Structures are given as structure tokens and as C-alpha cells.
């Protein structure tokens, strides 16, 4: 086991995370487990992000419908308000 030095405010924050984990899990949690939780929580899944950001196959059709609806709204406003 290795010893690390942290400032008092970091120690307090880490203890708070550990206590929240204890409440969530219903068992004792040591600082090592709290640090592991914080490290794992920060990991990202690039494949999942890429999949979520990929446009849907029907995007082009939906976009064209949106643009056409906007044109119709603007034309109605022009006729109604003379703008």
C-alpha cells in the first residue's frame, strides 16, 4: 500500500464522497474505494458517444420537412401581417 498526501480540503471532499457512497451502497467504504469510484466515474465510452452523436438515417428527410414548415410559417406571417 502507498501513502499519498492531500490537502485538508481534498481530504474532506474525499470523506464526503466516501460517506455518500456508504449511504448509497449500505456498507462501509474506505477512501481507496472512494478514489476508485471517482476515477471510474470520469471514464468515457468514445464508441457510445459517437453512436449517440451520429445522425439518424431519416435526418435529411426530417430536416427538409422542418425547413419547408418554416417557409410556410414565414409565408403565412407575410400574408397576415404584410411583413
PDB file of N, CA and C in Angstrom:
ATOM      1  N   UNK A   1       0.838  -1.165   0.000  1.00  0.00           N
ATOM      2  CA  UNK A   1       0.000   0.000   0.000  1.00  0.00           C
ATOM      3  C   UNK A   1       0.886   1.232   0.000  1.00  0.00           C
ATOM      4  N   UNK A   2       0.462   2.267  -0.750  1.00  0.00           N
ATOM      5  CA  UNK A   2       1.212   3.501  -0.881  1.00  0.00           C
ATOM      6  C   UNK A   2       0.498   4.613  -0.134  1.00  0.00           C
ATOM      7  N   UNK A   3       1.263   5.511   0.430  1.00  0.00           N
ATOM      8  CA  UNK A   3       0.706   6.677   1.115  1.00  0.00           C
ATOM      9  C   UNK A   3       0.747   7.860   0.175  1.00  0.00           C
ATOM     10  N   UNK A   4      -0.348   8.623   0.133  1.00  0.00           N
ATOM     11  CA  UNK A   4      -0.375   9.850  -0.669  1.00  0.00           C
ATOM     12  C   UNK A   4      -0.717  11.020   0.242  1.00  0.00           C
ATOM     13  N   UNK A   5      -0.259  12.195  -0.132  1.00  0.00           N
ATOM     14  CA  UNK A   5      -0.543  13.402   0.644  1.00  0.00           C
ATOM     15  C   UNK A   5      -1.576  14.234  -0.097  1.00  0.00           C
ATOM     16  N   UNK A   6      -2.576  14.702   0.642  1.00  0.00           N
ATOM     17  CA  UNK A   6      -3.586  15.574   0.068  1.00  0.00           C
ATOM     18  C   UNK A   6      -3.816  16.729   1.035  1.00  0.00           C
ATOM     19  N   UNK A   7      -4.315  17.817   0.514  1.00  0.00           N
ATOM     20  CA  UNK A   7      -4.617  18.953   1.383  1.00  0.00           C
ATOM     21  C   UNK A   7      -5.861  18.639   2.205  1.00  0.00           C
ATOM     22  N   UNK A   8      -6.086  19.436   3.218  1.00  0.00           N
ATOM     23  CA  UNK A   8      -7.205  19.204   4.124  1.00  0.00           C
ATOM     24  C   UNK A   8      -8.548  19.292   3.400  1.00  0.00           C
ATOM     25  N   UNK A   9      -8.686  20.255   2.484  1.00  0.00           N
ATOM     26  CA  UNK A   9      -9.961  20.396   1.778  1.00  0.00           C
ATOM     27  C   UNK A   9     -10.237  19.212   0.853  1.00  0.00           C
ATOM     28  N   UNK A  10      -9.183  18.660   0.237  1.00  0.00           N
ATOM     29  CA  UNK A  10      -9.344  17.478  -0.609  1.00  0.00           C
ATOM     30  C   UNK A  10      -9.723  16.279   0.253  1.00  0.00           C
ATOM     31  N   UNK A  11      -9.111  16.169   1.412  1.00  0.00           N
ATOM     32  CA  UNK A  11      -9.432  15.069   2.320  1.00  0.00           C
ATOM     33  C   UNK A  11     -10.900  15.137   2.740  1.00  0.00           C
ATOM     34  N   UNK A  12     -11.366  16.336   3.070  1.00  0.00           N
ATOM     35  CA  UNK A  12     -12.766  16.499   3.467  1.00  0.00           C
ATOM     36  C   UNK A  12     -13.711  16.135   2.329  1.00  0.00           C
ATOM     37  N   UNK A  13     -13.368  16.560   1.117  1.00  0.00           N
ATOM     38  CA  UNK A  13     -14.199  16.246  -0.044  1.00  0.00           C
ATOM     39  C   UNK A  13     -14.214  14.739  -0.305  1.00  0.00           C
ATOM     40  N   UNK A  14     -13.078  14.098  -0.146  1.00  0.00           N
ATOM     41  CA  UNK A  14     -12.983  12.653  -0.341  1.00  0.00           C
ATOM     42  C   UNK A  14     -13.786  11.907   0.718  1.00  0.00           C
ATOM     43  N   UNK A  15     -13.729  12.379   1.950  1.00  0.00           N
ATOM     44  CA  UNK A  15     -14.533  11.768   3.012  1.00  0.00           C
ATOM     45  C   UNK A  15     -16.023  11.936   2.729  1.00  0.00           C
ATOM     46  N   UNK A  16     -16.412  13.068   2.173  1.00  0.00           N
ATOM     47  CA  UNK A  16     -17.808  13.293   1.825  1.00  0.00           C
ATOM     48  C   UNK A  16     -18.247  12.314   0.742  1.00  0.00           C
ATOM     49  N   UNK A  17     -17.405  12.115  -0.275  1.00  0.00           N
ATOM     50  CA  UNK A  17     -17.721  11.159  -1.336  1.00  0.00           C
ATOM     51  C   UNK A  17     -17.853   9.760  -0.743  1.00  0.00           C
ATOM     52  N   UNK A  18     -16.932   9.403   0.149  1.00  0.00           N
ATOM     53  CA  UNK A  18     -16.980   8.082   0.773  1.00  0.00           C
ATOM     54  C   UNK A  18     -18.257   7.905   1.590  1.00  0.00           C
ATOM     55  N   UNK A  19     -18.660   8.940   2.319  1.00  0.00           N
ATOM     56  CA  UNK A  19     -19.885   8.820   3.117  1.00  0.00           C
ATOM     57  C   UNK A  19     -21.115   8.709   2.229  1.00  0.00           C
ATOM     58  N   UNK A  20     -21.142   9.446   1.111  1.00  0.00           N
ATOM     59  CA  UNK A  20     -22.262   9.337   0.175  1.00  0.00           C
ATOM     60  C   UNK A  20     -22.322   7.940  -0.435  1.00  0.00           C
ATOM     61  N   UNK A  21     -21.160   7.381  -0.747  1.00  0.00           N
ATOM     62  CA  UNK A  21     -21.118   6.011  -1.278  1.00  0.00           C
ATOM     63  C   UNK A  21     -21.614   5.012  -0.242  1.00  0.00           C
ATOM     64  N   UNK A  22     -21.241   5.211   1.011  1.00  0.00           N
ATOM     65  CA  UNK A  22     -21.690   4.326   2.081  1.00  0.00           C
ATOM     66  C   UNK A  22     -23.211   4.345   2.190  1.00  0.00           C
ATOM     67  N   UNK A  23     -23.795   5.530   2.102  1.00  0.00           N
ATOM     68  CA  UNK A  23     -25.255   5.625   2.150  1.00  0.00           C
ATOM     69  C   UNK A  23     -25.888   4.943   0.945  1.00  0.00           C
ATOM     70  N   UNK A  24     -25.293   5.141  -0.212  1.00  0.00           N
ATOM     71  CA  UNK A  24     -25.821   4.573  -1.445  1.00  0.00           C
ATOM     72  C   UNK A  24     -25.711   3.046  -1.468  1.00  0.00           C
ATOM     73  N   UNK A  25     -24.562   2.533  -1.017  1.00  0.00           N
ATOM     74  CA  UNK A  25     -24.306   1.095  -1.077  1.00  0.00           C
ATOM     75  C   UNK A  25     -24.769   0.348   0.166  1.00  0.00           C
ATOM     76  N   UNK A  26     -24.947   1.070   1.269  1.00  0.00           N
ATOM     77  CA  UNK A  26     -25.382   0.431   2.507  1.00  0.00           C
ATOM     78  C   UNK A  26     -24.307  -0.385   3.185  1.00  0.00           C
ATOM     79  N   UNK A  27     -23.052  -0.040   2.969  1.00  0.00           N
ATOM     80  CA  UNK A  27     -21.934  -0.743   3.620  1.00  0.00           C
ATOM     81  C   UNK A  27     -20.766   0.224   3.776  1.00  0.00           C
ATOM     82  N   UNK A  28     -19.769  -0.199   4.548  1.00  0.00           N
ATOM     83  CA  UNK A  28     -18.596   0.650   4.757  1.00  0.00           C
ATOM     84  C   UNK A  28     -17.800   0.783   3.464  1.00  0.00           C
ATOM     85  N   UNK A  29     -17.286   1.982   3.253  1.00  0.00           N
ATOM     86  CA  UNK A  29     -16.478   2.270   2.066  1.00  0.00           C
ATOM     87  C   UNK A  29     -15.208   2.964   2.546  1.00  0.00           C
ATOM     88  N   UNK A  30     -14.053   2.449   2.119  1.00  0.00           N
ATOM     89  CA  UNK A  30     -12.803   3.118   2.503  1.00  0.00           C
ATOM     90  C   UNK A  30     -12.432   4.174   1.463  1.00  0.00           C
ATOM     91  N   UNK A  31     -11.414   4.967   1.774  1.00  0.00           N
ATOM     92  CA  UNK A  31     -11.012   6.049   0.874  1.00  0.00           C
ATOM     93  C   UNK A  31     -10.510   5.517  -0.465  1.00  0.00           C
ATOM     94  N   UNK A  32      -9.883   4.356  -0.455  1.00  0.00           N
ATOM     95  CA  UNK A  32      -9.418   3.742  -1.686  1.00  0.00           C
ATOM     96  C   UNK A  32     -10.588   3.478  -2.636  1.00  0.00           C
ATOM     97  N   UNK A  33     -11.676   2.966  -2.097  1.00  0.00           N
ATOM     98  CA  UNK A  33     -12.853   2.690  -2.911  1.00  0.00           C
ATOM     99  C   UNK A  33     -13.496   3.995  -3.396  1.00  0.00           C
ATOM    100  N   UNK A  34     -13.462   5.022  -2.569  1.00  0.00           N
ATOM    101  CA  UNK A  34     -13.997   6.324  -2.972  1.00  0.00           C
ATOM    102  C   UNK A  34     -13.178   6.899  -4.133  1.00  0.00           C
ATOM    103  N   UNK A  35     -11.862   6.774  -4.051  1.00  0.00           N
ATOM    104  CA  UNK A  35     -10.996   7.251  -5.139  1.00  0.00           C
ATOM    105  C   UNK A  35     -11.260   6.453  -6.404  1.00  0.00           C
ATOM    106  N   UNK A  36     -11.385   5.138  -6.276  1.00  0.00           N
ATOM    107  CA  UNK A  36     -11.668   4.288  -7.437  1.00  0.00           C
ATOM    108  C   UNK A  36     -12.993   4.696  -8.080  1.00  0.00           C
ATOM    109  N   UNK A  37     -14.007   4.968  -7.255  1.00  0.00           N
ATOM    110  CA  UNK A  37     -15.309   5.401  -7.758  1.00  0.00           C
ATOM    111  C   UNK A  37     -15.160   6.695  -8.562  1.00  0.00           C
ATOM    112  N   UNK A  38     -14.429   7.657  -8.024  1.00  0.00           N
ATOM    113  CA  UNK A  38     -14.238   8.931  -8.717  1.00  0.00           C
ATOM    114  C   UNK A  38     -13.490   8.743 -10.034  1.00  0.00           C
ATOM    115  N   UNK A  39     -12.508   7.857 -10.043  1.00  0.00           N
ATOM    116  CA  UNK A  39     -11.749   7.607 -11.270  1.00  0.00           C
ATOM    117  C   UNK A  39     -12.619   6.937 -12.328  1.00  0.00           C
ATOM    118  N   UNK A  40     -13.417   5.973 -11.919  1.00  0.00           N
ATOM    119  CA  UNK A  40     -14.262   5.249 -12.872  1.00  0.00           C
ATOM    120  C   UNK A  40     -15.403   6.133 -13.388  1.00  0.00           C
ATOM    121  N   UNK A  41     -15.906   7.008 -12.534  1.00  0.00           N
ATOM    122  CA  UNK A  41     -16.994   7.894 -12.927  1.00  0.00           C
ATOM    123  C   UNK A  41     -16.551   8.838 -14.034  1.00  0.00           C
ATOM    124  N   UNK A  42     -15.282   9.156 -14.071  1.00  0.00           N
ATOM    125  CA  UNK A  42     -14.770  10.081 -15.075  1.00  0.00           C
ATOM    126  C   UNK A  42     -14.444   9.430 -16.406  1.00  0.00           C
ATOM    127  N   UNK A  43     -14.457   8.093 -16.470  1.00  0.00           N
ATOM    128  CA  UNK A  43     -14.124   7.417 -17.727  1.00  0.00           C
ATOM    129  C   UNK A  43     -15.255   7.582 -18.721  1.00  0.00           C
ATOM    130  N   UNK A  44     -14.897   7.749 -19.975  1.00  0.00           N
ATOM    131  CA  UNK A  44     -15.870   7.953 -21.041  1.00  0.00           C
ATOM    132  C   UNK A  44     -15.822   6.763 -21.994  1.00  0.00           C
ATOM    133  N   UNK A  45     -16.926   6.546 -22.682  1.00  0.00           N
ATOM    134  CA  UNK A  45     -17.009   5.489 -23.682  1.00  0.00           C
ATOM    135  C   UNK A  45     -17.107   6.158 -25.047  1.00  0.00           C
ATOM    136  N   UNK A  46     -15.973   6.299 -25.764  1.00  0.00           N
ATOM    137  CA  UNK A  46     -15.988   7.046 -27.025  1.00  0.00           C
ATOM    138  C   UNK A  46     -16.921   6.428 -28.074  1.00  0.00           C
ATOM    139  N   UNK A  47     -17.057   5.107 -28.097  1.00  0.00           N
ATOM    140  CA  UNK A  47     -17.943   4.478 -29.075  1.00  0.00           C
ATOM    141  C   UNK A  47     -19.391   4.853 -28.803  1.00  0.00           C
ATOM    142  N   UNK A  48     -19.775   4.872 -27.529  1.00  0.00           N
ATOM    143  CA  UNK A  48     -21.136   5.235 -27.168  1.00  0.00           C
ATOM    144  C   UNK A  48     -21.416   6.690 -27.523  1.00  0.00           C
ATOM    145  N   UNK A  49     -20.454   7.566 -27.286  1.00  0.00           N
ATOM    146  CA  UNK A  49     -20.612   8.972 -27.638  1.00  0.00           C
ATOM    147  C   UNK A  49     -20.758   9.137 -29.145  1.00  0.00           C
ATOM    148  N   UNK A  50     -19.944   8.429 -29.906  1.00  0.00           N
ATOM    149  CA  UNK A  50     -20.015   8.522 -31.357  1.00  0.00           C
ATOM    150  C   UNK A  50     -21.373   8.038 -31.860  1.00  0.00           C
ATOM    151  N   UNK A  51     -21.859   6.948 -31.282  1.00  0.00           N
ATOM    152  CA  UNK A  51     -23.163   6.424 -31.683  1.00  0.00           C
ATOM    153  C   UNK A  51     -24.281   7.409 -31.351  1.00  0.00           C
ATOM    154  N   UNK A  52     -24.188   8.043 -30.193  1.00  0.00           N
ATOM    155  CA  UNK A  52     -25.218   8.994 -29.779  1.00  0.00           C
ATOM    156  C   UNK A  52     -25.203  10.245 -30.653  1.00  0.00           C
ATOM    157  N   UNK A  53     -24.062  10.622 -31.178  1.00  0.00           N
ATOM    158  CA  UNK A  53     -23.949  11.838 -31.979  1.00  0.00           C
ATOM    159  C   UNK A  53     -24.171  11.596 -33.467  1.00  0.00           C
ATOM    160  N   UNK A  54     -24.257  10.345 -33.870  1.00  0.00           N
ATOM    161  CA  UNK A  54     -24.451  10.024 -35.277  1.00  0.00           C
ATOM    162  C   UNK A  54     -25.872  10.420 -35.696  1.00  0.00           C
ATOM    163  N   UNK A  55     -26.033  11.085 -36.842  1.00  0.00           N
ATOM    164  CA  UNK A  55     -27.382  11.467 -37.273  1.00  0.00           C
ATOM    165  C   UNK A  55     -28.218  10.227 -37.606  1.00  0.00           C
ATOM    166  N   UNK A  56     -29.508  10.335 -37.353  1.00  0.00           N
ATOM    167  CA  UNK A  56     -30.391   9.216 -37.655  1.00  0.00           C
ATOM    168  C   UNK A  56     -30.534   9.101 -39.167  1.00  0.00           C
ATOM    169  N   UNK A  57     -30.852   7.911 -39.678  1.00  0.00           N
ATOM    170  CA  UNK A  57     -30.941   7.734 -41.134  1.00  0.00           C
ATOM    171  C   UNK A  57     -31.956   8.665 -41.799  1.00  0.00           C
ATOM    172  N   UNK A  58     -33.044   8.980 -41.116  1.00  0.00           N
ATOM    173  CA  UNK A  58     -34.087   9.818 -41.694  1.00  0.00           C
ATOM    174  C   UNK A  58     -33.818  11.301 -41.473  1.00  0.00           C
ATOM    175  N   UNK A  59     -32.629  11.671 -41.059  1.00  0.00           N
ATOM    176  CA  UNK A  59     -32.333  13.049 -40.717  1.00  0.00           C
ATOM    177  C   UNK A  59     -32.587  14.008 -41.877  1.00  0.00           C
ATOM    178  N   UNK A  60     -32.106  13.661 -43.049  1.00  0.00           N
ATOM    179  CA  UNK A  60     -32.246  14.564 -44.199  1.00  0.00           C
ATOM    180  C   UNK A  60     -33.713  14.850 -44.488  1.00  0.00           C
ATOM    181  N   UNK A  61     -34.556  13.818 -44.454  1.00  0.00           N
ATOM    182  CA  UNK A  61     -35.977  13.996 -44.713  1.00  0.00           C
ATOM    183  C   UNK A  61     -36.610  14.876 -43.642  1.00  0.00           C
ATOM    184  N   UNK A  62     -36.306  14.613 -42.375  1.00  0.00           N
ATOM    185  CA  UNK A  62     -36.860  15.403 -41.269  1.00  0.00           C
ATOM    186  C   UNK A  62     -36.398  16.852 -41.368  1.00  0.00           C
ATOM    187  N   UNK A  63     -35.149  17.066 -41.742  1.00  0.00           N
ATOM    188  CA  UNK A  63     -34.620  18.418 -41.873  1.00  0.00           C
ATOM    189  C   UNK A  63     -35.329  19.172 -42.990  1.00  0.00           C
ATOM    190  N   UNK A  64     -35.536  18.517 -44.111  1.00  0.00           N
ATOM    191  CA  UNK A  64     -36.237  19.154 -45.226  1.00  0.00           C
ATOM    192  C   UNK A  64     -37.665  19.508 -44.837  1.00  0.00           C
ATOM    193  N   UNK A  65     -38.340  18.630 -44.098  1.00  0.00           N
ATOM    194  CA  UNK A  65     -39.703  18.917 -43.640  1.00  0.00           C
ATOM    195  C   UNK A  65     -39.711  20.119 -42.698  1.00  0.00           C
ATOM    196  N   UNK A  66     -38.714  20.203 -41.850  1.00  0.00           N
ATOM    197  CA  UNK A  66     -38.604  21.325 -40.928  1.00  0.00           C
ATOM    198  C   UNK A  66     -38.407  22.637 -41.685  1.00  0.00           C
ATOM    199  N   UNK A  67     -37.538  22.645 -42.662  1.00  0.00           N
ATOM    200  CA  UNK A  67     -37.283  23.842 -43.462  1.00  0.00           C
ATOM    201  C   UNK A  67     -38.541  24.238 -44.224  1.00  0.00           C
ATOM    202  N   UNK A  68     -39.221  23.263 -44.814  1.00  0.00           N
ATOM    203  CA  UNK A  68     -40.448  23.555 -45.556  1.00  0.00           C
ATOM    204  C   UNK A  68     -41.519  24.130 -44.633  1.00  0.00           C
ATOM    205  N   UNK A  69     -41.666  23.577 -43.436  1.00  0.00           N
ATOM    206  CA  UNK A  69     -42.630  24.098 -42.462  1.00  0.00           C
ATOM    207  C   UNK A  69     -42.295  25.528 -42.072  1.00  0.00           C
ATOM    208  N   UNK A  70     -41.025  25.814 -41.924  1.00  0.00           N
ATOM    209  CA  UNK A  70     -40.592  27.174 -41.577  1.00  0.00           C
ATOM    210  C   UNK A  70     -40.930  28.153 -42.700  1.00  0.00           C
ATOM    211  N   UNK A  71     -40.709  27.733 -43.942  1.00  0.00           N
ATOM    212  CA  UNK A  71     -41.053  28.589 -45.092  1.00  0.00           C
ATOM    213  C   UNK A  71     -42.551  28.879 -45.116  1.00  0.00           C
ATOM    214  N   UNK A  72     -43.363  27.844 -44.862  1.00  0.00           N
ATOM    215  CA  UNK A  72     -44.815  28.028 -44.851  1.00  0.00           C
ATOM    216  C   UNK A  72     -45.221  28.999 -43.746  1.00  0.00           C
ATOM    217  N   UNK A  73     -44.605  28.870 -42.560  1.00  0.00           N
ATOM    218  CA  UNK A  73     -44.913  29.787 -41.448  1.00  0.00           C
ATOM    219  C   UNK A  73     -44.561  31.224 -41.815  1.00  0.00           C
ATOM    220  N   UNK A  74     -43.412  31.410 -42.438  1.00  0.00           N
ATOM    221  CA  UNK A  74     -42.997  32.761 -42.822  1.00  0.00           C
ATOM    222  C   UNK A  74     -43.922  33.342 -43.888  1.00  0.00           C
ATOM    223  N   UNK A  75     -44.360  32.500 -44.819  1.00  0.00           N
ATOM    224  CA  UNK A  75     -45.277  32.965 -45.871  1.00  0.00           C
ATOM    225  C   UNK A  75     -46.620  33.367 -45.251  1.00  0.00           C
ATOM    226  N   UNK A  76     -47.136  32.571 -44.317  1.00  0.00           N
ATOM    227  CA  UNK A  76     -48.388  32.912 -43.628  1.00  0.00           C
ATOM    228  C   UNK A  76     -48.251  34.241 -42.886  1.00  0.00           C
ATOM    229  N   UNK A  77     -47.143  34.427 -42.216  1.00  0.00           N
ATOM    230  CA  UNK A  77     -46.912  35.668 -41.471  1.00  0.00           C
ATOM    231  C   UNK A  77     -46.836  36.844 -42.428  1.00  0.00           C
ATOM    232  N   UNK A  78     -46.225  36.674 -43.587  1.00  0.00           N
ATOM    233  CA  UNK A  78     -46.132  37.745 -44.572  1.00  0.00           C
ATOM    234  C   UNK A  78     -47.526  38.148 -45.075  1.00  0.00           C
ATOM    235  N   UNK A  79     -48.337  37.118 -45.356  1.00  0.00           N
ATOM    236  CA  UNK A  79     -49.701  37.410 -45.849  1.00  0.00           C
ATOM    237  C   UNK A  79     -50.551  38.056 -44.759  1.00  0.00           C
ATOM    238  N   UNK A  80     -50.412  37.580 -43.528  1.00  0.00           N
ATOM    239  CA  UNK A  80     -51.267  38.065 -42.437  1.00  0.00           C
ATOM    240  C   UNK A  80     -50.851  39.445 -41.971  1.00  0.00           C
ATOM    241  N   UNK A  81     -49.567  39.682 -41.825  1.00  0.00           N
ATOM    242  CA  UNK A  81     -49.086  40.947 -41.250  1.00  0.00           C
ATOM    243  C   UNK A  81     -48.456  41.875 -42.277  1.00  0.00           C
ATOM    244  N   UNK A  82     -48.333  41.428 -43.502  1.00  0.00           N
ATOM    245  CA  UNK A  82     -47.749  42.266 -44.542  1.00  0.00           C
ATOM    246  C   UNK A  82     -46.276  42.553 -44.306  1.00  0.00           C
ATOM    247  N   UNK A  83     -45.596  41.634 -43.691  1.00  0.00           N
ATOM    248  CA  UNK A  83     -44.172  41.831 -43.355  1.00  0.00           C
ATOM    249  C   UNK A  83     -43.308  41.387 -44.496  1.00  0.00           C
TER     250      UNK A  83
END
